[in-house]
Amino acid sequence: MSHREARILVVGDNAVDGEQVCSMLRDRYPHVEATTDPMKSDAVFDRVRPQVLVLAFKSVEACERFYLGLYRRSDVIQSLMHRTLLLCDKESVRRAFDLCLEDVFDDYVLFWPLVHDAKRLAMSVHLALEALDQELALAPLSELATLARRAEALEEQLAQQVKVGRIHAQNAQSTARQAQASVNRAMGGLSERILSTGLDSALTVRDASRVEQAFGVLQRESLIPTLEDMVQATQPLREWVDTITSELAEPLKATRDLVKHAKVSRPQLLVVDDDEYMRRLLKQLLVSAHYEVEAVGTAMDAQRFLITNRPDLILMDFLLPDSNGILLMREIRGGQFNLDIPVIMLTGQTAKQVIVDSRKAGAVDFIAKPFNRDLLLKKVAQHLGSGQ
């Protein structure tokens, strides 16, 4: 596939190196640009919106600092699908290798000093663009999965509202029946008092039968029909509540089928961790494993997300700025959510009591930081398999 229109940005701290990288790529990729001005690099990134970002700093640590800072400062990076390519020297190859394994960066190239394989850089860019094409091809499916899960959450909310509506309809009808019975008793009692005592001589009853007949007419022709109208007025509401579920059966079945397909295609994970670098690392790792990932930094943000979404699994830090993982897990398991979602506790708190408390609160597993990439992916896959 031709990628001649691909947008490539080289960011570094040396103008000569930046121009050298561009010259090595320009024949194959005409839309390559370099920036080495630290005051302008963020703005250039947002303007170019590169598909491939080449980091050409002299140290790997400088690459890490710039890229992490870009997530804080850029207006577009969170929504921009791109690949990162790290240039390094022989002394930092091992560190670059580890960072790519951890999915902090996507690939690295031994660039300093230049070796005989001058085409390696262009090939790495080509492979990065190929991988991006595959990721973009999956993007519509990911969006479909998100819509399906939100539809699933709305179905649950609809069921709850129908339940509440049915209760309200029953209460309204019951109240109307009670009012009817109460008025009948009151009218009957008033009739008896007038006939027996004349309301303490306030009036004299000369013809008891006519009084009794008048009360009967009042009840039959005025009060009872009015009260019956009140009872009947609640009936349409009750019938609507009783029939809405059956009327929506087909659309809801289609929604469930869509949800089932979406879950099989691309499971959704929620990461809850207050450390920005850890959130980014986890998201990159899990997205590269073909999961759909939402990453938030607080318990409140997690609760907001869960109002309209039903992730397949949650990775949760123990310490959060506005709560802790155990309290949040209890809220998810019960409280306003009452969700049976697998939760893996991910934290540097390895004390035995923390593990015990996490298990009691409902965590299905526990992974200590710093975590092993393969172990984490293995446990995620394991608990997704047992939860579906």
Protein backbone atom coordinates (compact mmCIF):
# COMPACT_ATOMS: atom_id res chain seq x y z
CA MET A 1 0.00 0.00 0.00
CA SER A 2 1.31 3.49 -0.88
CA HIS A 3 1.72 5.91 2.01
CA ARG A 4 3.03 8.91 0.09
CA GLU A 5 0.39 11.16 1.63
CA ALA A 6 1.28 10.09 5.17
CA ARG A 7 2.06 12.89 7.64
CA ILE A 8 5.33 12.36 9.51
CA LEU A 9 6.75 14.63 12.21
CA VAL A 10 10.32 14.48 13.52
CA VAL A 11 10.82 16.05 16.96
CA GLY A 12 14.23 16.38 18.58
CA ASP A 13 16.75 18.67 20.20
CA ASN A 14 19.23 19.05 17.33
CA ALA A 15 18.37 20.79 14.06
CA VAL A 16 21.07 18.95 12.07
CA ASP A 17 19.78 15.55 13.19
CA GLY A 18 16.21 16.60 12.43
CA GLU A 19 17.05 17.61 8.89
CA GLN A 20 19.10 14.43 8.38
CA VAL A 21 16.11 12.28 9.38
CA CYS A 22 13.84 14.23 7.04
CA SER A 23 16.26 13.82 4.11
CA MET A 24 16.33 10.06 4.66
CA LEU A 25 12.55 9.89 4.49
CA ARG A 26 11.57 12.62 2.06
CA ASP A 27 11.96 10.60 -1.16
CA ARG A 28 9.39 8.07 0.03
CA TYR A 29 7.33 10.34 2.29
CA PRO A 30 7.10 13.91 0.93
CA HIS A 31 5.01 15.17 3.87
CA VAL A 32 7.71 14.94 6.52
CA GLU A 33 8.50 17.88 8.79
CA ALA A 34 10.95 18.47 11.64
CA THR A 35 10.87 20.69 14.72
CA THR A 36 13.59 21.16 17.34
CA ASP A 37 12.22 24.24 19.08
CA PRO A 38 10.90 23.15 22.51
CA MET A 39 8.64 26.22 22.64
CA LYS A 40 6.91 25.33 19.38
CA SER A 41 6.98 21.52 19.23
CA ASP A 42 3.55 21.06 20.83
CA ALA A 43 1.91 23.54 18.47
CA VAL A 44 3.61 21.92 15.46
CA PHE A 45 2.33 18.51 16.57
CA ASP A 46 -1.24 19.80 16.85
CA ARG A 47 -0.98 21.47 13.43
CA VAL A 48 0.60 18.53 11.57
CA ARG A 49 -1.43 15.82 13.35
CA PRO A 50 1.19 13.23 12.37
CA GLN A 51 0.44 9.61 11.67
CA VAL A 52 4.01 8.75 12.64
CA LEU A 53 5.92 10.67 15.30
CA VAL A 54 9.71 10.18 15.12
CA LEU A 55 11.47 11.07 18.40
CA ALA A 56 15.06 12.08 17.61
CA PHE A 57 16.27 13.33 20.99
CA LYS A 58 19.81 12.48 21.99
CA SER A 59 18.66 10.57 25.09
CA VAL A 60 15.84 8.12 25.64
CA GLU A 61 14.93 9.97 28.83
CA ALA A 62 14.38 13.16 26.83
CA CYS A 63 12.06 11.23 24.49
CA GLU A 64 10.06 9.98 27.46
CA ARG A 65 9.78 13.45 29.00
CA PHE A 66 8.64 15.05 25.77
CA TYR A 67 6.09 12.39 24.88
CA LEU A 68 4.59 12.24 28.36
CA GLY A 69 4.41 16.03 28.47
CA LEU A 70 2.71 16.04 25.08
CA TYR A 71 -0.20 14.13 26.61
CA ARG A 72 -0.64 16.94 29.11
CA ARG A 73 -0.21 19.84 26.69
CA SER A 74 -1.56 18.76 23.31
CA ASP A 75 -5.17 19.43 22.33
CA VAL A 76 -5.35 16.57 19.81
CA ILE A 77 -3.11 13.72 20.95
CA GLN A 78 -5.80 11.97 23.00
CA SER A 79 -7.98 11.50 19.93
CA LEU A 80 -5.25 11.19 17.29
CA MET A 81 -4.38 7.68 16.18
CA HIS A 82 -0.61 7.62 15.57
CA ARG A 83 2.52 5.53 16.00
CA THR A 84 5.72 6.50 17.78
CA LEU A 85 9.22 5.68 16.53
CA LEU A 86 12.18 6.16 18.87
CA LEU A 87 15.73 6.82 17.57
CA CYS A 88 18.54 5.72 19.90
CA ASP A 89 22.26 5.02 20.14
CA LYS A 90 24.01 1.77 21.03
CA GLU A 91 24.17 2.58 24.75
CA SER A 92 20.41 3.07 25.02
CA VAL A 93 19.21 0.20 22.82
CA ARG A 94 18.29 -1.94 25.81
CA ARG A 95 16.22 0.82 27.39
CA ALA A 96 14.50 1.56 24.06
CA PHE A 97 13.75 -2.14 23.66
CA ASP A 98 12.16 -2.32 27.12
CA LEU A 99 10.05 0.79 26.55
CA CYS A 100 8.68 -0.65 23.31
CA LEU A 101 7.88 -3.93 25.05
CA GLU A 102 5.99 -1.92 27.65
CA ASP A 103 4.13 -0.14 24.79
CA VAL A 104 5.36 3.29 25.85
CA PHE A 105 6.64 3.61 22.27
CA ASP A 106 5.79 1.50 19.24
CA ASP A 107 9.25 0.84 17.76
CA TYR A 108 12.88 1.93 17.89
CA VAL A 109 15.74 2.29 15.41
CA LEU A 110 19.45 2.22 16.19
CA PHE A 111 20.34 5.54 14.57
CA TRP A 112 23.53 6.86 16.19
CA PRO A 113 26.11 6.24 14.89
CA LEU A 114 24.59 5.60 11.47
CA VAL A 115 25.02 2.00 10.39
CA HIS A 116 25.17 0.49 6.91
CA ASP A 117 21.42 -0.26 6.93
CA ALA A 118 20.29 3.22 5.90
CA LYS A 119 16.89 1.89 4.80
CA ARG A 120 16.01 0.67 8.27
CA LEU A 121 14.45 3.99 9.24
CA ALA A 122 12.20 4.13 6.16
CA MET A 123 11.17 0.49 6.68
CA SER A 124 10.27 1.18 10.31
CA VAL A 125 8.08 4.10 9.22
CA HIS A 126 6.47 1.86 6.60
CA LEU A 127 5.70 -0.83 9.19
CA ALA A 128 4.32 1.81 11.55
CA LEU A 129 1.94 3.05 8.86
CA GLU A 130 0.86 -0.51 8.05
CA ALA A 131 0.08 -1.12 11.73
CA LEU A 132 -1.84 2.15 11.84
CA ASP A 133 -3.89 1.09 8.80
CA GLN A 134 -4.91 -2.07 10.66
CA GLU A 135 -5.82 -0.08 13.75
CA LEU A 136 -7.90 2.35 11.68
CA ALA A 137 -9.69 -0.56 10.05
CA LEU A 138 -10.80 -1.71 13.51
CA ALA A 139 -11.90 1.77 14.59
CA PRO A 140 -15.50 1.55 13.21
CA LEU A 141 -15.94 -1.75 15.03
CA SER A 142 -14.68 -0.14 18.22
CA GLU A 143 -17.20 2.71 17.84
CA LEU A 144 -19.93 0.16 17.18
CA ALA A 145 -18.96 -1.67 20.35
CA THR A 146 -19.17 1.55 22.35
CA LEU A 147 -22.64 2.34 21.00
CA ALA A 148 -23.78 -1.22 21.69
CA ARG A 149 -22.62 -1.11 25.29
CA ARG A 150 -24.34 2.21 25.85
CA ALA A 151 -27.51 0.71 24.37
CA GLU A 152 -27.16 -2.15 26.84
CA ALA A 153 -26.90 0.30 29.71
CA LEU A 154 -29.96 2.17 28.42
CA GLU A 155 -31.90 -1.10 28.28
CA GLU A 156 -31.17 -1.66 31.97
CA GLN A 157 -32.24 1.89 32.77
CA LEU A 158 -35.45 1.41 30.77
CA ALA A 159 -36.26 -1.76 32.71
CA GLN A 160 -35.78 0.09 35.99
CA GLN A 161 -37.99 2.98 34.87
CA VAL A 162 -40.73 0.59 33.69
CA LYS A 163 -40.61 -1.08 37.11
CA VAL A 164 -40.95 2.29 38.84
CA GLY A 165 -43.76 3.31 36.45
CA ARG A 166 -45.67 0.13 37.19
CA ILE A 167 -45.44 0.81 40.92
CA HIS A 168 -46.64 4.39 40.45
CA ALA A 169 -49.60 3.21 38.33
CA GLN A 170 -50.58 0.61 40.92
CA ASN A 171 -50.29 3.17 43.73
CA ALA A 172 -52.43 5.70 41.82
CA GLN A 173 -55.14 3.14 41.13
CA SER A 174 -55.06 1.90 44.72
CA THR A 175 -55.34 5.47 46.04
CA ALA A 176 -58.34 6.15 43.79
CA ARG A 177 -60.06 2.96 45.01
CA GLN A 178 -59.42 3.92 48.62
CA ALA A 179 -60.83 7.41 47.99
CA GLN A 180 -63.94 5.86 46.44
CA ALA A 181 -64.47 3.61 49.45
CA SER A 182 -63.81 6.48 51.88
CA VAL A 183 -66.34 8.80 50.21
CA ASN A 184 -68.93 6.03 50.16
CA ARG A 185 -68.43 5.44 53.88
CA ALA A 186 -68.63 9.17 54.61
CA MET A 187 -71.81 9.61 52.61
CA GLY A 188 -73.36 6.58 54.25
CA GLY A 189 -72.42 7.87 57.70
CA LEU A 190 -73.83 11.34 56.99
CA SER A 191 -77.09 9.84 55.76
CA GLU A 192 -77.46 7.75 58.92
CA ARG A 193 -76.74 10.74 61.20
CA ILE A 194 -79.32 12.92 59.47
CA LEU A 195 -81.95 10.20 59.71
CA SER A 196 -81.22 9.36 63.33
CA THR A 197 -80.44 12.71 64.96
CA GLY A 198 -81.26 15.38 62.42
CA LEU A 199 -77.66 16.55 62.93
CA ASP A 200 -78.30 17.46 66.56
CA SER A 201 -81.64 19.22 65.76
CA ALA A 202 -79.96 21.47 63.19
CA LEU A 203 -82.57 20.21 60.78
CA THR A 204 -85.76 18.15 61.01
CA VAL A 205 -86.28 15.11 58.85
CA ARG A 206 -89.98 14.82 57.93
CA ASP A 207 -89.63 12.18 55.24
CA ALA A 208 -86.75 9.76 55.91
CA SER A 209 -87.32 7.79 52.72
CA ARG A 210 -86.98 10.87 50.55
CA VAL A 211 -83.73 11.88 52.30
CA GLU A 212 -82.33 8.41 51.88
CA GLN A 213 -83.38 8.41 48.25
CA ALA A 214 -81.73 11.82 47.68
CA PHE A 215 -78.44 10.58 49.14
CA GLY A 216 -78.62 7.50 46.97
CA VAL A 217 -79.12 9.59 43.84
CA LEU A 218 -76.18 11.86 44.83
CA GLN A 219 -73.92 8.86 45.26
CA ARG A 220 -75.03 7.05 42.10
CA GLU A 221 -75.22 10.00 39.71
CA SER A 222 -72.48 12.30 40.95
CA LEU A 223 -69.93 11.00 43.40
CA ILE A 224 -69.51 7.38 42.26
CA PRO A 225 -69.15 8.23 38.52
CA THR A 226 -66.58 10.91 39.39
CA LEU A 227 -64.54 8.54 41.52
CA GLU A 228 -64.84 5.81 38.90
CA ASP A 229 -63.51 8.26 36.33
CA MET A 230 -60.49 8.81 38.59
CA VAL A 231 -59.88 5.06 38.77
CA GLN A 232 -60.26 4.63 35.02
CA ALA A 233 -57.96 7.57 34.35
CA THR A 234 -55.06 5.55 35.78
CA GLN A 235 -55.81 2.56 33.57
CA PRO A 236 -54.11 3.85 30.37
CA LEU A 237 -50.93 4.48 32.33
CA ARG A 238 -50.99 0.96 33.73
CA GLU A 239 -51.70 -0.54 30.31
CA TRP A 240 -48.85 1.49 28.78
CA VAL A 241 -46.43 0.27 31.43
CA ASP A 242 -47.59 -3.32 30.98
CA THR A 243 -47.22 -3.26 27.19
CA ILE A 244 -44.11 -1.13 26.61
CA THR A 245 -41.71 -4.01 27.21
CA SER A 246 -43.46 -6.25 24.66
CA GLU A 247 -43.66 -3.42 22.14
CA LEU A 248 -39.92 -2.86 22.45
CA ALA A 249 -39.06 -6.57 22.44
CA GLU A 250 -37.74 -6.62 18.88
CA PRO A 251 -35.58 -3.47 19.14
CA LEU A 252 -34.20 -4.68 22.46
CA LYS A 253 -33.42 -8.10 20.99
CA ALA A 254 -31.51 -6.39 18.18
CA THR A 255 -29.64 -4.37 20.79
CA ARG A 256 -28.71 -7.51 22.73
CA ASP A 257 -27.50 -9.18 19.55
CA LEU A 258 -25.41 -6.11 18.79
CA VAL A 259 -23.97 -6.10 22.31
CA LYS A 260 -23.12 -9.79 22.03
CA HIS A 261 -21.35 -9.24 18.72
CA ALA A 262 -19.52 -6.18 20.04
CA LYS A 263 -18.27 -7.99 23.12
CA VAL A 264 -16.96 -10.87 21.07
CA SER A 265 -15.29 -8.49 18.65
CA ARG A 266 -13.56 -6.06 20.98
CA PRO A 267 -13.96 -6.24 24.78
CA GLN A 268 -14.11 -2.94 26.64
CA LEU A 269 -11.89 -2.31 29.67
CA LEU A 270 -12.00 0.49 32.22
CA VAL A 271 -8.68 1.58 33.78
CA VAL A 272 -8.93 3.59 37.02
CA ASP A 273 -5.55 5.02 38.10
CA ASP A 274 -4.60 8.51 39.26
CA ASP A 275 -1.09 8.29 37.77
CA GLU A 276 -1.20 9.81 34.29
CA TYR A 277 1.86 7.95 33.07
CA MET A 278 0.45 4.63 34.31
CA ARG A 279 -2.90 5.31 32.62
CA ARG A 280 -1.19 6.02 29.33
CA LEU A 281 1.06 2.97 29.65
CA LEU A 282 -1.87 0.68 30.44
CA LYS A 283 -4.01 2.11 27.67
CA GLN A 284 -1.28 1.66 25.05
CA LEU A 285 -0.59 -1.88 26.25
CA LEU A 286 -4.25 -2.91 26.21
CA VAL A 287 -5.14 -1.17 22.94
CA SER A 288 -2.22 -2.95 21.28
CA ALA A 289 -3.79 -6.19 22.51
CA HIS A 290 -7.01 -5.21 20.64
CA TYR A 291 -9.06 -4.11 23.63
CA GLU A 292 -11.21 -1.00 23.74
CA VAL A 293 -9.95 1.03 26.70
CA GLU A 294 -11.27 3.96 28.72
CA ALA A 295 -8.82 5.36 31.28
CA VAL A 296 -9.85 7.69 34.13
CA GLY A 297 -8.03 9.12 37.13
CA THR A 298 -10.65 9.37 39.89
CA ALA A 299 -13.43 7.34 41.47
CA MET A 300 -15.93 10.04 40.45
CA ASP A 301 -14.88 9.82 36.81
CA ALA A 302 -15.22 6.04 36.97
CA GLN A 303 -18.74 6.35 38.37
CA ARG A 304 -19.71 8.84 35.65
CA PHE A 305 -18.45 6.41 33.00
CA LEU A 306 -20.39 3.50 34.53
CA ILE A 307 -23.68 5.39 34.39
CA THR A 308 -23.87 4.91 30.61
CA ASN A 309 -21.32 2.14 29.96
CA ARG A 310 -20.88 -1.50 30.93
CA PRO A 311 -17.21 -2.47 30.52
CA ASP A 312 -16.26 -6.13 30.42
CA LEU A 313 -13.48 -5.74 33.01
CA ILE A 314 -12.05 -3.06 35.31
CA LEU A 315 -8.38 -2.54 36.21
CA MET A 316 -8.35 -0.48 39.38
CA ASP A 317 -5.63 1.20 41.42
CA PHE A 318 -5.90 0.83 45.20
CA LEU A 319 -5.12 4.47 46.06
CA LEU A 320 -7.27 7.13 44.38
CA PRO A 321 -7.31 10.87 45.09
CA ASP A 322 -11.00 10.94 46.04
CA SER A 323 -11.49 7.39 47.36
CA ASN A 324 -9.80 4.00 47.27
CA GLY A 325 -10.24 0.91 45.15
CA ILE A 326 -12.05 -1.07 47.82
CA LEU A 327 -14.69 1.59 48.46
CA LEU A 328 -15.20 2.10 44.73
CA MET A 329 -15.48 -1.65 44.18
CA ARG A 330 -18.15 -1.91 46.87
CA GLU A 331 -20.06 0.89 45.16
CA ILE A 332 -19.81 -0.95 41.84
CA ARG A 333 -20.86 -4.29 43.32
CA GLY A 334 -23.78 -2.76 45.23
CA GLY A 335 -24.85 0.83 45.77
CA GLN A 336 -26.33 2.59 42.79
CA PHE A 337 -24.70 0.28 40.21
CA ASN A 338 -25.04 -3.34 41.41
CA LEU A 339 -22.82 -4.57 38.56
CA ASP A 340 -21.20 -7.97 38.27
CA ILE A 341 -18.05 -6.83 36.41
CA PRO A 342 -14.67 -8.53 37.02
CA VAL A 343 -12.32 -6.15 38.86
CA ILE A 344 -8.54 -6.65 38.95
CA MET A 345 -6.81 -4.62 41.65
CA LEU A 346 -3.60 -3.08 40.32
CA THR A 347 -1.43 -1.36 42.93
CA GLY A 348 1.92 -0.97 44.61
CA GLN A 349 0.28 -1.71 47.98
CA THR A 350 1.30 -5.34 48.46
CA ALA A 351 0.53 -5.70 52.18
CA LYS A 352 -1.37 -8.89 52.98
CA GLN A 353 -4.33 -7.00 54.47
CA VAL A 354 -4.76 -4.98 51.27
CA ILE A 355 -4.99 -8.20 49.28
CA VAL A 356 -7.42 -9.74 51.76
CA ASP A 357 -9.63 -6.63 51.80
CA SER A 358 -9.59 -6.44 48.00
CA ARG A 359 -10.71 -10.05 47.73
CA LYS A 360 -13.48 -9.52 50.28
CA ALA A 361 -14.73 -6.47 48.40
CA GLY A 362 -15.07 -8.55 45.25
CA ALA A 363 -11.78 -8.30 43.32
CA VAL A 364 -11.24 -11.32 41.10
CA ASP A 365 -7.47 -10.88 41.04
CA PHE A 366 -4.57 -8.76 42.26
CA ILE A 367 -1.53 -7.54 40.29
CA ALA A 368 1.34 -5.72 42.01
CA LYS A 369 3.16 -2.76 40.48
CA PRO A 370 5.52 -2.67 38.71
CA PHE A 371 3.65 -5.29 36.72
CA ASN A 372 4.81 -7.84 34.20
CA ARG A 373 3.29 -7.11 30.79
CA ASP A 374 2.69 -10.74 29.84
CA LEU A 375 1.23 -11.61 33.24
CA LEU A 376 -1.17 -8.68 33.11
CA LEU A 377 -2.41 -9.57 29.62
CA LYS A 378 -2.76 -13.21 30.63
CA LYS A 379 -4.91 -12.35 33.65
CA VAL A 380 -7.04 -9.90 31.68
CA ALA A 381 -7.72 -12.54 29.04
CA GLN A 382 -8.41 -15.16 31.72
CA HIS A 383 -11.03 -13.10 33.54
CA LEU A 384 -12.64 -11.85 30.35
CA GLY A 385 -13.03 -15.48 29.30
CA SER A 386 -14.63 -16.47 32.60
CA GLY A 387 -16.93 -13.44 32.60
CA GLN A 388 -18.48 -13.91 29.17
